[in-house]
Amino acid sequence: MTEQSIAEYLKELQSKDGLPGGGSATALIGAMSAALIHMVSEIQSNKKLESEFKERVQTILMEAAEVQAYFEQLKDEDAHAFEPVSKAYAMPKETEEQKSERQQAIETGLHSAVQPPLKMMKTTLKLIELYEKLSTLSIRGSIVNDISVGVLFARTALQSSHLNVLVNTNFMKDETTKKELEGLSNAYLVQGEGKADQLYADSKYYLVHKKWPSVETRSVQ
């Protein structure tokens, strides 16, 4: 699936018989957010910068490429993750033994299906961290708009992955495992949302006022 064109992927996404769904689409959004970081960083790397800034930009470039590649991998991983659950629900349930085996298969399948969105949430935190690094470079010009869009993509990926965790844990009977997975997902969400909101507010402030906000300005936004 990673070799598909966007048009081919969207055609499969819109099909009722296609493998990709909301989780796979979330990974694509994350990959696009990482690609925007890479683009902004590459533009900055071509400018005359002090060696210290040059090194920081190069580091961001490499890390963004790694994050993008991982999101592309997760796009495929998520698309196939629910297959075992679907097969488990199709198992016979006429006897008590069959019911027990079926439920165990469902639980195992759901636990596996929840892993890709959890990985996406953790990877999105890395994405947001890269945007934080970009924000320290005092980037100027219309390219800041690409930063704003990328941050919004990252926030969407974080929230969407959280929903994709919950849609799986909602069907779990094992309350201990369910609470553990939801607790981890909630922690990732809380950790990333506030940072993404501040990054978006700062970049939007620049687009409106043509300057980055000071610490004092940020406190009253």
N, C-alpha and C. Protein backbone atom coordinates (compact mmCIF):
# COMPACT_ATOMS: atom_id res chain seq x y z
N MET A 1 0.82 -1.22 0.00
CA MET A 1 0.00 0.00 0.00
C MET A 1 0.85 1.27 0.00
N THR A 2 2.09 1.17 0.52
CA THR A 2 2.93 2.36 0.58
C THR A 2 3.34 2.85 -0.80
N GLU A 3 3.27 1.96 -1.81
CA GLU A 3 3.65 2.33 -3.16
C GLU A 3 2.48 2.92 -3.96
N GLN A 4 1.31 2.99 -3.34
CA GLN A 4 0.14 3.53 -4.03
C GLN A 4 0.27 5.02 -4.28
N SER A 5 -0.37 5.48 -5.34
CA SER A 5 -0.52 6.92 -5.54
C SER A 5 -1.63 7.40 -4.60
N ILE A 6 -1.68 8.70 -4.38
CA ILE A 6 -2.74 9.26 -3.54
C ILE A 6 -4.12 8.91 -4.12
N ALA A 7 -4.23 9.00 -5.44
CA ALA A 7 -5.52 8.70 -6.09
C ALA A 7 -5.92 7.25 -5.84
N GLU A 8 -4.96 6.34 -5.94
CA GLU A 8 -5.24 4.92 -5.71
C GLU A 8 -5.64 4.67 -4.26
N TYR A 9 -4.93 5.33 -3.35
CA TYR A 9 -5.24 5.16 -1.93
C TYR A 9 -6.64 5.68 -1.61
N LEU A 10 -7.00 6.85 -2.12
CA LEU A 10 -8.31 7.43 -1.86
C LEU A 10 -9.42 6.57 -2.45
N LYS A 11 -9.15 5.97 -3.60
CA LYS A 11 -10.14 5.09 -4.21
C LYS A 11 -10.40 3.89 -3.32
N GLU A 12 -9.33 3.35 -2.73
CA GLU A 12 -9.49 2.21 -1.82
C GLU A 12 -10.13 2.65 -0.51
N LEU A 13 -9.79 3.83 -0.05
CA LEU A 13 -10.34 4.35 1.20
C LEU A 13 -11.85 4.55 1.10
N GLN A 14 -12.32 4.99 -0.06
CA GLN A 14 -13.75 5.27 -0.22
C GLN A 14 -14.57 4.00 -0.45
N SER A 15 -13.90 2.90 -0.74
CA SER A 15 -14.61 1.65 -1.03
C SER A 15 -15.04 0.93 0.25
N LYS A 16 -16.24 0.40 0.24
CA LYS A 16 -16.73 -0.37 1.40
C LYS A 16 -15.96 -1.67 1.56
N ASP A 17 -15.30 -2.12 0.52
CA ASP A 17 -14.54 -3.37 0.57
C ASP A 17 -13.03 -3.13 0.76
N GLY A 18 -12.63 -1.87 0.86
CA GLY A 18 -11.20 -1.56 1.00
C GLY A 18 -10.71 -1.79 2.42
N LEU A 19 -9.42 -2.03 2.58
CA LEU A 19 -8.83 -2.25 3.90
C LEU A 19 -8.65 -0.97 4.71
N PRO A 20 -8.18 0.13 4.13
CA PRO A 20 -7.93 1.33 4.94
C PRO A 20 -9.21 1.97 5.45
N GLY A 21 -9.09 2.56 6.65
CA GLY A 21 -10.21 3.28 7.25
C GLY A 21 -9.67 4.51 7.97
N GLY A 22 -10.36 4.89 9.05
CA GLY A 22 -9.98 6.10 9.78
C GLY A 22 -8.58 6.05 10.36
N GLY A 23 -8.16 4.87 10.82
CA GLY A 23 -6.83 4.75 11.40
C GLY A 23 -5.74 4.95 10.37
N SER A 24 -5.91 4.31 9.23
CA SER A 24 -4.94 4.45 8.15
C SER A 24 -4.89 5.89 7.65
N ALA A 25 -6.06 6.52 7.53
CA ALA A 25 -6.12 7.92 7.09
C ALA A 25 -5.42 8.84 8.10
N THR A 26 -5.55 8.51 9.38
CA THR A 26 -4.88 9.28 10.42
C THR A 26 -3.37 9.24 10.24
N ALA A 27 -2.84 8.06 9.93
CA ALA A 27 -1.40 7.92 9.71
C ALA A 27 -0.94 8.75 8.52
N LEU A 28 -1.78 8.82 7.49
CA LEU A 28 -1.44 9.63 6.32
C LEU A 28 -1.37 11.11 6.69
N ILE A 29 -2.27 11.55 7.54
CA ILE A 29 -2.25 12.94 8.00
C ILE A 29 -0.97 13.21 8.80
N GLY A 30 -0.59 12.25 9.64
CA GLY A 30 0.65 12.39 10.39
C GLY A 30 1.85 12.47 9.48
N ALA A 31 1.86 11.64 8.42
CA ALA A 31 2.97 11.64 7.46
C ALA A 31 3.04 12.98 6.74
N MET A 32 1.88 13.56 6.41
CA MET A 32 1.87 14.86 5.73
C MET A 32 2.38 15.96 6.66
N SER A 33 2.06 15.86 7.94
CA SER A 33 2.55 16.84 8.91
C SER A 33 4.07 16.78 8.99
N ALA A 34 4.61 15.54 9.01
CA ALA A 34 6.06 15.37 9.05
C ALA A 34 6.71 15.89 7.76
N ALA A 35 6.03 15.69 6.63
CA ALA A 35 6.55 16.16 5.35
C ALA A 35 6.64 17.69 5.33
N LEU A 36 5.69 18.35 5.97
CA LEU A 36 5.71 19.82 6.04
C LEU A 36 6.89 20.29 6.89
N ILE A 37 7.18 19.58 7.97
CA ILE A 37 8.37 19.92 8.77
C ILE A 37 9.62 19.80 7.92
N HIS A 38 9.69 18.72 7.16
CA HIS A 38 10.85 18.48 6.30
C HIS A 38 11.00 19.60 5.27
N MET A 39 9.88 19.99 4.67
CA MET A 39 9.91 21.04 3.65
C MET A 39 10.39 22.37 4.23
N VAL A 40 9.82 22.75 5.37
CA VAL A 40 10.21 24.00 6.01
C VAL A 40 11.69 23.96 6.40
N SER A 41 12.12 22.84 6.95
CA SER A 41 13.52 22.69 7.38
C SER A 41 14.47 22.74 6.19
N GLU A 42 14.07 22.13 5.09
CA GLU A 42 14.92 22.11 3.90
C GLU A 42 15.09 23.52 3.34
N ILE A 43 14.02 24.28 3.35
CA ILE A 43 14.10 25.67 2.89
C ILE A 43 15.05 26.46 3.80
N GLN A 44 14.92 26.24 5.10
CA GLN A 44 15.78 26.95 6.05
C GLN A 44 17.24 26.53 5.89
N SER A 45 17.48 25.28 5.57
CA SER A 45 18.86 24.78 5.46
C SER A 45 19.60 25.41 4.29
N ASN A 46 18.84 25.92 3.33
CA ASN A 46 19.46 26.56 2.16
C ASN A 46 19.79 28.03 2.40
N LYS A 47 19.40 28.54 3.57
CA LYS A 47 19.67 29.93 3.89
C LYS A 47 21.02 30.06 4.59
N LYS A 48 21.54 31.27 4.60
CA LYS A 48 22.81 31.51 5.28
C LYS A 48 22.53 31.61 6.78
N LEU A 49 22.89 30.55 7.48
CA LEU A 49 22.66 30.48 8.91
C LEU A 49 23.98 30.27 9.65
N GLU A 50 23.98 30.63 10.92
CA GLU A 50 25.14 30.33 11.75
C GLU A 50 25.25 28.81 11.89
N SER A 51 26.45 28.31 12.09
CA SER A 51 26.68 26.87 12.13
C SER A 51 25.80 26.16 13.16
N GLU A 52 25.57 26.82 14.30
CA GLU A 52 24.74 26.21 15.35
C GLU A 52 23.32 25.99 14.84
N PHE A 53 22.74 27.01 14.17
CA PHE A 53 21.39 26.89 13.63
C PHE A 53 21.36 25.87 12.49
N LYS A 54 22.40 25.86 11.71
CA LYS A 54 22.49 24.93 10.58
C LYS A 54 22.40 23.49 11.08
N GLU A 55 23.12 23.20 12.15
CA GLU A 55 23.12 21.86 12.73
C GLU A 55 21.75 21.50 13.28
N ARG A 56 21.09 22.45 13.92
CA ARG A 56 19.76 22.20 14.48
C ARG A 56 18.75 21.91 13.38
N VAL A 57 18.85 22.66 12.29
CA VAL A 57 17.94 22.44 11.16
C VAL A 57 18.18 21.08 10.53
N GLN A 58 19.44 20.69 10.38
CA GLN A 58 19.77 19.40 9.79
C GLN A 58 19.25 18.25 10.66
N THR A 59 19.33 18.43 11.97
CA THR A 59 18.81 17.41 12.89
C THR A 59 17.31 17.27 12.75
N ILE A 60 16.61 18.40 12.66
CA ILE A 60 15.15 18.38 12.48
C ILE A 60 14.80 17.71 11.16
N LEU A 61 15.57 18.01 10.12
CA LEU A 61 15.35 17.40 8.80
C LEU A 61 15.40 15.88 8.87
N MET A 62 16.44 15.36 9.49
CA MET A 62 16.62 13.91 9.58
C MET A 62 15.52 13.26 10.43
N GLU A 63 15.19 13.89 11.54
CA GLU A 63 14.17 13.33 12.42
C GLU A 63 12.78 13.36 11.76
N ALA A 64 12.50 14.42 11.00
CA ALA A 64 11.22 14.51 10.30
C ALA A 64 11.08 13.41 9.26
N ALA A 65 12.17 13.12 8.56
CA ALA A 65 12.15 12.06 7.56
C ALA A 65 11.88 10.70 8.20
N GLU A 66 12.46 10.47 9.37
CA GLU A 66 12.25 9.21 10.09
C GLU A 66 10.80 9.09 10.55
N VAL A 67 10.26 10.18 11.07
CA VAL A 67 8.87 10.17 11.54
C VAL A 67 7.91 9.94 10.38
N GLN A 68 8.18 10.60 9.26
CA GLN A 68 7.32 10.42 8.08
C GLN A 68 7.32 8.97 7.62
N ALA A 69 8.50 8.36 7.55
CA ALA A 69 8.61 6.96 7.11
C ALA A 69 7.86 6.04 8.07
N TYR A 70 7.91 6.33 9.36
CA TYR A 70 7.22 5.48 10.33
C TYR A 70 5.70 5.62 10.20
N PHE A 71 5.23 6.83 9.97
CA PHE A 71 3.79 7.02 9.77
C PHE A 71 3.32 6.25 8.52
N GLU A 72 4.13 6.25 7.48
CA GLU A 72 3.78 5.52 6.26
C GLU A 72 3.69 4.02 6.56
N GLN A 73 4.58 3.54 7.41
CA GLN A 73 4.54 2.14 7.82
C GLN A 73 3.27 1.85 8.63
N LEU A 74 2.93 2.77 9.55
CA LEU A 74 1.74 2.59 10.38
C LEU A 74 0.45 2.67 9.57
N LYS A 75 0.49 3.40 8.47
CA LYS A 75 -0.68 3.47 7.59
C LYS A 75 -1.06 2.07 7.10
N ASP A 76 -0.08 1.30 6.70
CA ASP A 76 -0.32 -0.07 6.24
C ASP A 76 -0.65 -1.00 7.41
N GLU A 77 0.08 -0.81 8.52
CA GLU A 77 -0.12 -1.65 9.69
C GLU A 77 -1.54 -1.53 10.22
N ASP A 78 -2.04 -0.31 10.29
CA ASP A 78 -3.39 -0.10 10.80
C ASP A 78 -4.44 -0.67 9.86
N ALA A 79 -4.19 -0.57 8.56
CA ALA A 79 -5.16 -1.06 7.58
C ALA A 79 -5.43 -2.55 7.74
N HIS A 80 -4.42 -3.30 8.22
CA HIS A 80 -4.57 -4.74 8.37
C HIS A 80 -4.87 -5.17 9.81
N ALA A 81 -4.82 -4.22 10.74
CA ALA A 81 -4.88 -4.56 12.17
C ALA A 81 -6.22 -5.13 12.62
N PHE A 82 -7.32 -4.76 11.95
CA PHE A 82 -8.63 -5.19 12.42
C PHE A 82 -9.07 -6.53 11.82
N GLU A 83 -8.30 -7.03 10.88
CA GLU A 83 -8.67 -8.29 10.23
C GLU A 83 -8.84 -9.45 11.22
N PRO A 84 -7.90 -9.64 12.18
CA PRO A 84 -8.08 -10.72 13.15
C PRO A 84 -9.35 -10.58 13.99
N VAL A 85 -9.74 -9.34 14.28
CA VAL A 85 -10.96 -9.11 15.07
C VAL A 85 -12.18 -9.53 14.26
N SER A 86 -12.19 -9.14 13.00
CA SER A 86 -13.31 -9.52 12.12
C SER A 86 -13.43 -11.03 12.02
N LYS A 87 -12.29 -11.71 11.90
CA LYS A 87 -12.31 -13.17 11.82
C LYS A 87 -12.78 -13.78 13.14
N ALA A 88 -12.39 -13.17 14.25
CA ALA A 88 -12.79 -13.68 15.56
C ALA A 88 -14.30 -13.58 15.76
N TYR A 89 -14.88 -12.46 15.31
CA TYR A 89 -16.33 -12.29 15.44
C TYR A 89 -17.09 -13.30 14.58
N ALA A 90 -16.44 -13.83 13.55
CA ALA A 90 -17.09 -14.80 12.66
C ALA A 90 -16.97 -16.23 13.18
N MET A 91 -16.25 -16.42 14.27
CA MET A 91 -16.07 -17.77 14.84
C MET A 91 -17.39 -18.30 15.39
N PRO A 92 -17.56 -19.62 15.38
CA PRO A 92 -18.81 -20.21 15.92
C PRO A 92 -18.96 -19.95 17.41
N LYS A 93 -20.20 -19.88 17.88
CA LYS A 93 -20.47 -19.62 19.30
C LYS A 93 -21.66 -20.44 19.78
N GLU A 94 -21.73 -21.68 19.33
CA GLU A 94 -22.86 -22.54 19.69
C GLU A 94 -22.67 -23.20 21.06
N THR A 95 -21.43 -23.56 21.40
CA THR A 95 -21.17 -24.19 22.69
C THR A 95 -20.43 -23.21 23.60
N GLU A 96 -20.39 -23.56 24.89
CA GLU A 96 -19.69 -22.71 25.84
C GLU A 96 -18.20 -22.63 25.53
N GLU A 97 -17.65 -23.76 25.09
CA GLU A 97 -16.24 -23.78 24.72
C GLU A 97 -15.97 -22.88 23.52
N GLN A 98 -16.86 -22.94 22.55
CA GLN A 98 -16.72 -22.09 21.36
C GLN A 98 -16.85 -20.62 21.72
N LYS A 99 -17.78 -20.33 22.61
CA LYS A 99 -17.97 -18.94 23.05
C LYS A 99 -16.72 -18.42 23.74
N SER A 100 -16.12 -19.27 24.57
CA SER A 100 -14.92 -18.88 25.30
C SER A 100 -13.75 -18.64 24.34
N GLU A 101 -13.57 -19.56 23.39
CA GLU A 101 -12.50 -19.42 22.41
C GLU A 101 -12.71 -18.18 21.54
N ARG A 102 -13.97 -17.95 21.19
CA ARG A 102 -14.30 -16.78 20.36
C ARG A 102 -13.99 -15.49 21.10
N GLN A 103 -14.40 -15.42 22.37
CA GLN A 103 -14.17 -14.20 23.15
C GLN A 103 -12.68 -13.95 23.36
N GLN A 104 -11.93 -15.01 23.59
CA GLN A 104 -10.49 -14.87 23.76
C GLN A 104 -9.84 -14.37 22.49
N ALA A 105 -10.31 -14.88 21.35
CA ALA A 105 -9.76 -14.44 20.06
C ALA A 105 -10.10 -12.98 19.80
N ILE A 106 -11.31 -12.57 20.21
CA ILE A 106 -11.73 -11.17 20.05
C ILE A 106 -10.85 -10.27 20.91
N GLU A 107 -10.64 -10.66 22.16
CA GLU A 107 -9.81 -9.86 23.06
C GLU A 107 -8.38 -9.71 22.53
N THR A 108 -7.84 -10.84 22.06
CA THR A 108 -6.48 -10.81 21.52
C THR A 108 -6.41 -9.91 20.28
N GLY A 109 -7.43 -10.04 19.42
CA GLY A 109 -7.48 -9.23 18.21
C GLY A 109 -7.60 -7.74 18.51
N LEU A 110 -8.44 -7.41 19.48
CA LEU A 110 -8.63 -6.00 19.85
C LEU A 110 -7.35 -5.42 20.44
N HIS A 111 -6.66 -6.23 21.24
CA HIS A 111 -5.41 -5.75 21.84
C HIS A 111 -4.38 -5.46 20.76
N SER A 112 -4.37 -6.27 19.71
CA SER A 112 -3.45 -6.03 18.59
C SER A 112 -3.89 -4.82 17.77
N ALA A 113 -5.20 -4.69 17.58
CA ALA A 113 -5.73 -3.61 16.75
C ALA A 113 -5.51 -2.24 17.36
N VAL A 114 -5.39 -2.20 18.69
CA VAL A 114 -5.23 -0.92 19.37
C VAL A 114 -3.77 -0.44 19.34
N GLN A 115 -2.86 -1.32 18.97
CA GLN A 115 -1.44 -0.95 18.98
C GLN A 115 -1.07 0.12 17.94
N PRO A 116 -1.51 -0.01 16.66
CA PRO A 116 -1.16 1.03 15.69
C PRO A 116 -1.58 2.44 16.10
N PRO A 117 -2.84 2.66 16.56
CA PRO A 117 -3.18 4.02 16.97
C PRO A 117 -2.40 4.50 18.19
N LEU A 118 -2.05 3.59 19.10
CA LEU A 118 -1.22 4.00 20.23
C LEU A 118 0.17 4.42 19.75
N LYS A 119 0.71 3.68 18.79
CA LYS A 119 2.01 4.03 18.21
C LYS A 119 1.92 5.39 17.51
N MET A 120 0.79 5.63 16.85
CA MET A 120 0.60 6.90 16.16
C MET A 120 0.58 8.06 17.16
N MET A 121 -0.07 7.85 18.31
CA MET A 121 -0.13 8.91 19.32
C MET A 121 1.28 9.22 19.83
N LYS A 122 2.04 8.18 20.13
CA LYS A 122 3.40 8.38 20.63
C LYS A 122 4.27 9.06 19.58
N THR A 123 4.09 8.66 18.32
CA THR A 123 4.87 9.26 17.24
C THR A 123 4.45 10.71 16.99
N THR A 124 3.18 11.00 17.19
CA THR A 124 2.70 12.38 17.02
C THR A 124 3.31 13.29 18.08
N LEU A 125 3.54 12.76 19.28
CA LEU A 125 4.22 13.56 20.30
C LEU A 125 5.61 13.95 19.83
N LYS A 126 6.27 13.04 19.12
CA LYS A 126 7.57 13.35 18.54
C LYS A 126 7.43 14.43 17.47
N LEU A 127 6.35 14.34 16.71
CA LEU A 127 6.05 15.32 15.67
C LEU A 127 5.88 16.71 16.29
N ILE A 128 5.12 16.79 17.34
CA ILE A 128 4.88 18.06 18.02
C ILE A 128 6.19 18.61 18.60
N GLU A 129 7.03 17.70 19.10
CA GLU A 129 8.34 18.11 19.62
C GLU A 129 9.19 18.74 18.52
N LEU A 130 9.09 18.20 17.31
CA LEU A 130 9.85 18.77 16.18
C LEU A 130 9.32 20.17 15.83
N TYR A 131 8.01 20.36 15.92
CA TYR A 131 7.45 21.69 15.67
C TYR A 131 7.91 22.67 16.76
N GLU A 132 8.06 22.18 17.98
CA GLU A 132 8.58 23.03 19.05
C GLU A 132 10.01 23.46 18.73
N LYS A 133 10.80 22.54 18.20
CA LYS A 133 12.18 22.88 17.81
C LYS A 133 12.18 23.91 16.68
N LEU A 134 11.27 23.74 15.72
CA LEU A 134 11.16 24.72 14.63
C LEU A 134 10.83 26.10 15.16
N SER A 135 9.97 26.14 16.17
CA SER A 135 9.51 27.42 16.69
C SER A 135 10.62 28.22 17.35
N THR A 136 11.72 27.54 17.72
CA THR A 136 12.84 28.25 18.37
C THR A 136 13.78 28.89 17.34
N LEU A 137 13.52 28.63 16.06
CA LEU A 137 14.40 29.14 15.01
C LEU A 137 13.97 30.50 14.47
N SER A 138 12.87 31.05 15.02
CA SER A 138 12.37 32.37 14.58
C SER A 138 12.22 32.45 13.06
N ILE A 139 11.59 31.45 12.49
CA ILE A 139 11.37 31.40 11.05
C ILE A 139 10.40 32.52 10.65
N ARG A 140 10.68 33.15 9.51
CA ARG A 140 9.86 34.28 9.08
C ARG A 140 9.34 34.08 7.66
N GLY A 141 8.31 34.86 7.34
CA GLY A 141 7.74 34.80 6.00
C GLY A 141 6.50 33.93 5.92
N SER A 142 5.98 33.80 4.71
CA SER A 142 4.73 33.06 4.51
C SER A 142 4.85 31.58 4.82
N ILE A 143 6.07 31.08 4.90
CA ILE A 143 6.28 29.66 5.20
C ILE A 143 5.79 29.31 6.61
N VAL A 144 5.61 30.32 7.46
CA VAL A 144 5.06 30.07 8.79
C VAL A 144 3.65 29.49 8.68
N ASN A 145 2.97 29.82 7.59
CA ASN A 145 1.63 29.26 7.36
C ASN A 145 1.71 27.73 7.24
N ASP A 146 2.79 27.23 6.63
CA ASP A 146 2.97 25.78 6.51
C ASP A 146 3.20 25.14 7.88
N ILE A 147 3.84 25.90 8.75
CA ILE A 147 4.02 25.42 10.12
C ILE A 147 2.66 25.32 10.81
N SER A 148 1.83 26.35 10.65
CA SER A 148 0.50 26.35 11.26
C SER A 148 -0.33 25.16 10.78
N VAL A 149 -0.32 24.94 9.47
CA VAL A 149 -1.08 23.83 8.90
C VAL A 149 -0.54 22.49 9.42
N GLY A 150 0.78 22.37 9.46
CA GLY A 150 1.39 21.13 9.94
C GLY A 150 1.04 20.84 11.39
N VAL A 151 1.01 21.89 12.21
CA VAL A 151 0.65 21.72 13.62
C VAL A 151 -0.81 21.26 13.74
N LEU A 152 -1.68 21.84 12.92
CA LEU A 152 -3.09 21.42 12.93
C LEU A 152 -3.21 19.96 12.51
N PHE A 153 -2.42 19.56 11.52
CA PHE A 153 -2.41 18.15 11.09
C PHE A 153 -1.97 17.25 12.25
N ALA A 154 -0.93 17.69 12.96
CA ALA A 154 -0.41 16.89 14.08
C ALA A 154 -1.47 16.77 15.18
N ARG A 155 -2.14 17.86 15.48
CA ARG A 155 -3.19 17.82 16.51
C ARG A 155 -4.32 16.89 16.08
N THR A 156 -4.69 16.95 14.80
CA THR A 156 -5.74 16.08 14.28
C THR A 156 -5.32 14.61 14.37
N ALA A 157 -4.07 14.34 14.03
CA ALA A 157 -3.56 12.97 14.10
C ALA A 157 -3.60 12.45 15.53
N LEU A 158 -3.26 13.32 16.48
CA LEU A 158 -3.27 12.93 17.89
C LEU A 158 -4.70 12.61 18.35
N GLN A 159 -5.63 13.49 18.04
CA GLN A 159 -7.02 13.30 18.48
C GLN A 159 -7.67 12.11 17.76
N SER A 160 -7.39 11.97 16.47
CA SER A 160 -7.97 10.87 15.70
C SER A 160 -7.45 9.53 16.19
N SER A 161 -6.15 9.46 16.49
CA SER A 161 -5.57 8.22 17.01
C SER A 161 -6.20 7.86 18.34
N HIS A 162 -6.46 8.88 19.16
CA HIS A 162 -7.12 8.65 20.46
C HIS A 162 -8.49 8.01 20.24
N LEU A 163 -9.25 8.52 19.30
CA LEU A 163 -10.55 7.94 18.99
C LEU A 163 -10.42 6.50 18.50
N ASN A 164 -9.37 6.25 17.71
CA ASN A 164 -9.15 4.91 17.18
C ASN A 164 -8.74 3.92 18.26
N VAL A 165 -8.16 4.43 19.35
CA VAL A 165 -7.89 3.58 20.51
C VAL A 165 -9.20 3.23 21.19
N LEU A 166 -10.02 4.24 21.43
CA LEU A 166 -11.27 4.05 22.17
C LEU A 166 -12.25 3.13 21.44
N VAL A 167 -12.29 3.21 20.11
CA VAL A 167 -13.23 2.38 19.36
C VAL A 167 -12.90 0.91 19.52
N ASN A 168 -11.63 0.60 19.81
CA ASN A 168 -11.23 -0.78 20.04
C ASN A 168 -11.40 -1.20 21.50
N THR A 169 -10.99 -0.35 22.43
CA THR A 169 -11.10 -0.70 23.85
C THR A 169 -12.56 -0.78 24.29
N ASN A 170 -13.43 -0.08 23.58
CA ASN A 170 -14.84 -0.08 23.92
C ASN A 170 -15.46 -1.48 23.89
N PHE A 171 -14.89 -2.37 23.07
CA PHE A 171 -15.43 -3.72 22.93
C PHE A 171 -14.71 -4.74 23.81
N MET A 172 -13.71 -4.28 24.57
CA MET A 172 -12.96 -5.20 25.42
C MET A 172 -13.74 -5.57 26.68
N LYS A 173 -13.66 -6.83 27.07
CA LYS A 173 -14.30 -7.31 28.30
C LYS A 173 -13.33 -7.28 29.47
N ASP A 174 -12.03 -7.35 29.15
CA ASP A 174 -10.99 -7.32 30.18
C ASP A 174 -10.83 -5.88 30.67
N GLU A 175 -11.45 -5.55 31.79
CA GLU A 175 -11.46 -4.18 32.29
C GLU A 175 -10.07 -3.68 32.67
N THR A 176 -9.23 -4.57 33.18
CA THR A 176 -7.88 -4.16 33.57
C THR A 176 -7.08 -3.69 32.36
N THR A 177 -7.10 -4.50 31.30
CA THR A 177 -6.39 -4.15 30.07
C THR A 177 -7.00 -2.90 29.44
N LYS A 178 -8.32 -2.83 29.45
CA LYS A 178 -9.03 -1.68 28.87
C LYS A 178 -8.61 -0.38 29.55
N LYS A 179 -8.62 -0.37 30.88
CA LYS A 179 -8.26 0.83 31.63
C LYS A 179 -6.80 1.21 31.41
N GLU A 180 -5.94 0.20 31.32
CA GLU A 180 -4.52 0.46 31.11
C GLU A 180 -4.27 1.13 29.75
N LEU A 181 -4.91 0.60 28.70
CA LEU A 181 -4.73 1.14 27.36
C LEU A 181 -5.35 2.54 27.23
N GLU A 182 -6.53 2.71 27.80
CA GLU A 182 -7.19 4.02 27.74
C GLU A 182 -6.42 5.06 28.56
N GLY A 183 -5.85 4.62 29.68
CA GLY A 183 -5.06 5.53 30.50
C GLY A 183 -3.83 6.03 29.75
N LEU A 184 -3.16 5.11 29.04
CA LEU A 184 -1.99 5.49 28.26
C LEU A 184 -2.38 6.44 27.14
N SER A 185 -3.50 6.15 26.47
CA SER A 185 -3.98 7.00 25.38
C SER A 185 -4.34 8.39 25.89
N ASN A 186 -5.01 8.45 27.02
CA ASN A 186 -5.39 9.75 27.61
C ASN A 186 -4.15 10.56 27.99
N ALA A 187 -3.13 9.87 28.50
CA ALA A 187 -1.89 10.56 28.88
C ALA A 187 -1.21 11.17 27.66
N TYR A 188 -1.16 10.41 26.57
CA TYR A 188 -0.59 10.93 25.33
C TYR A 188 -1.37 12.14 24.84
N LEU A 189 -2.70 12.06 24.93
CA LEU A 189 -3.56 13.14 24.45
C LEU A 189 -3.32 14.42 25.24
N VAL A 190 -3.32 14.30 26.56
CA VAL A 190 -3.11 15.46 27.41
C VAL A 190 -1.73 16.06 27.19
N GLN A 191 -0.74 15.20 27.04
CA GLN A 191 0.63 15.66 26.84
C GLN A 191 0.80 16.46 25.54
N GLY A 192 0.08 16.05 24.50
CA GLY A 192 0.28 16.69 23.20
C GLY A 192 -0.65 17.83 22.86
N GLU A 193 -1.90 17.76 23.34
CA GLU A 193 -2.89 18.77 22.93
C GLU A 193 -2.49 20.19 23.33
N GLY A 194 -2.07 20.36 24.57
CA GLY A 194 -1.72 21.69 25.04
C GLY A 194 -0.56 22.28 24.27
N LYS A 195 0.44 21.46 24.00
CA LYS A 195 1.61 21.93 23.25
C LYS A 195 1.22 22.31 21.82
N ALA A 196 0.38 21.48 21.20
CA ALA A 196 -0.06 21.78 19.83
C ALA A 196 -0.88 23.06 19.78
N ASP A 197 -1.74 23.25 20.76
CA ASP A 197 -2.56 24.46 20.81
C ASP A 197 -1.69 25.71 20.93
N GLN A 198 -0.64 25.63 21.77
CA GLN A 198 0.23 26.78 21.95
C GLN A 198 1.03 27.07 20.69
N LEU A 199 1.52 26.01 20.04
CA LEU A 199 2.27 26.17 18.79
C LEU A 199 1.42 26.81 17.71
N TYR A 200 0.17 26.37 17.63
CA TYR A 200 -0.74 26.94 16.62
C TYR A 200 -1.02 28.41 16.95
N ALA A 201 -1.27 28.70 18.21
CA ALA A 201 -1.54 30.09 18.61
C ALA A 201 -0.35 30.99 18.30
N ASP A 202 0.85 30.50 18.55
CA ASP A 202 2.06 31.30 18.30
C ASP A 202 2.26 31.56 16.81
N SER A 203 2.10 30.50 16.00
CA SER A 203 2.31 30.66 14.56
C SER A 203 1.23 31.53 13.93
N LYS A 204 0.01 31.41 14.43
CA LYS A 204 -1.07 32.26 13.92
C LYS A 204 -0.82 33.71 14.32
N TYR A 205 -0.30 33.90 15.53
CA TYR A 205 0.04 35.26 15.98
C TYR A 205 1.04 35.89 15.01
N TYR A 206 2.03 35.10 14.60
CA TYR A 206 3.02 35.62 13.66
C TYR A 206 2.36 36.01 12.34
N LEU A 207 1.46 35.16 11.84
CA LEU A 207 0.82 35.44 10.56
C LEU A 207 -0.02 36.71 10.60
N VAL A 208 -0.58 37.00 11.76
CA VAL A 208 -1.41 38.20 11.92
C VAL A 208 -0.56 39.44 12.18
N HIS A 209 0.45 39.31 13.05
CA HIS A 209 1.21 40.47 13.51
C HIS A 209 2.61 40.59 12.89
N LYS A 210 2.99 39.59 12.08
CA LYS A 210 4.30 39.58 11.42
C LYS A 210 5.46 39.57 12.41
N LYS A 211 5.21 39.01 13.56
CA LYS A 211 6.28 38.79 14.55
C LYS A 211 5.83 37.68 15.49
N TRP A 212 6.82 36.98 16.03
CA TRP A 212 6.51 35.91 16.98
C TRP A 212 6.17 36.52 18.33
N PRO A 213 5.24 35.93 19.06
CA PRO A 213 4.84 36.51 20.35
C PRO A 213 5.95 36.41 21.39
N SER A 214 6.01 37.39 22.24
CA SER A 214 6.94 37.33 23.37
C SER A 214 6.31 36.48 24.45
N VAL A 215 7.07 36.18 25.48
CA VAL A 215 6.55 35.40 26.61
C VAL A 215 5.36 36.12 27.22
N GLU A 216 5.48 37.44 27.34
CA GLU A 216 4.38 38.23 27.95
C GLU A 216 3.12 38.16 27.08
N THR A 217 3.31 38.24 25.77
CA THR A 217 2.17 38.19 24.86
C THR A 217 1.48 36.84 24.91
N ARG A 218 2.29 35.78 24.99
CA ARG A 218 1.72 34.44 25.03
C ARG A 218 0.84 34.26 26.23
N SER A 219 1.19 34.85 27.35
CA SER A 219 0.45 34.63 28.59
C SER A 219 -0.93 35.24 28.57
N VAL A 220 -1.19 36.19 27.64
CA VAL A 220 -2.50 36.85 27.63
C VAL A 220 -3.30 36.49 26.38
N GLN A 221 -2.79 35.57 25.54
CA GLN A 221 -3.53 35.19 24.33
C GLN A 221 -4.78 34.41 24.69
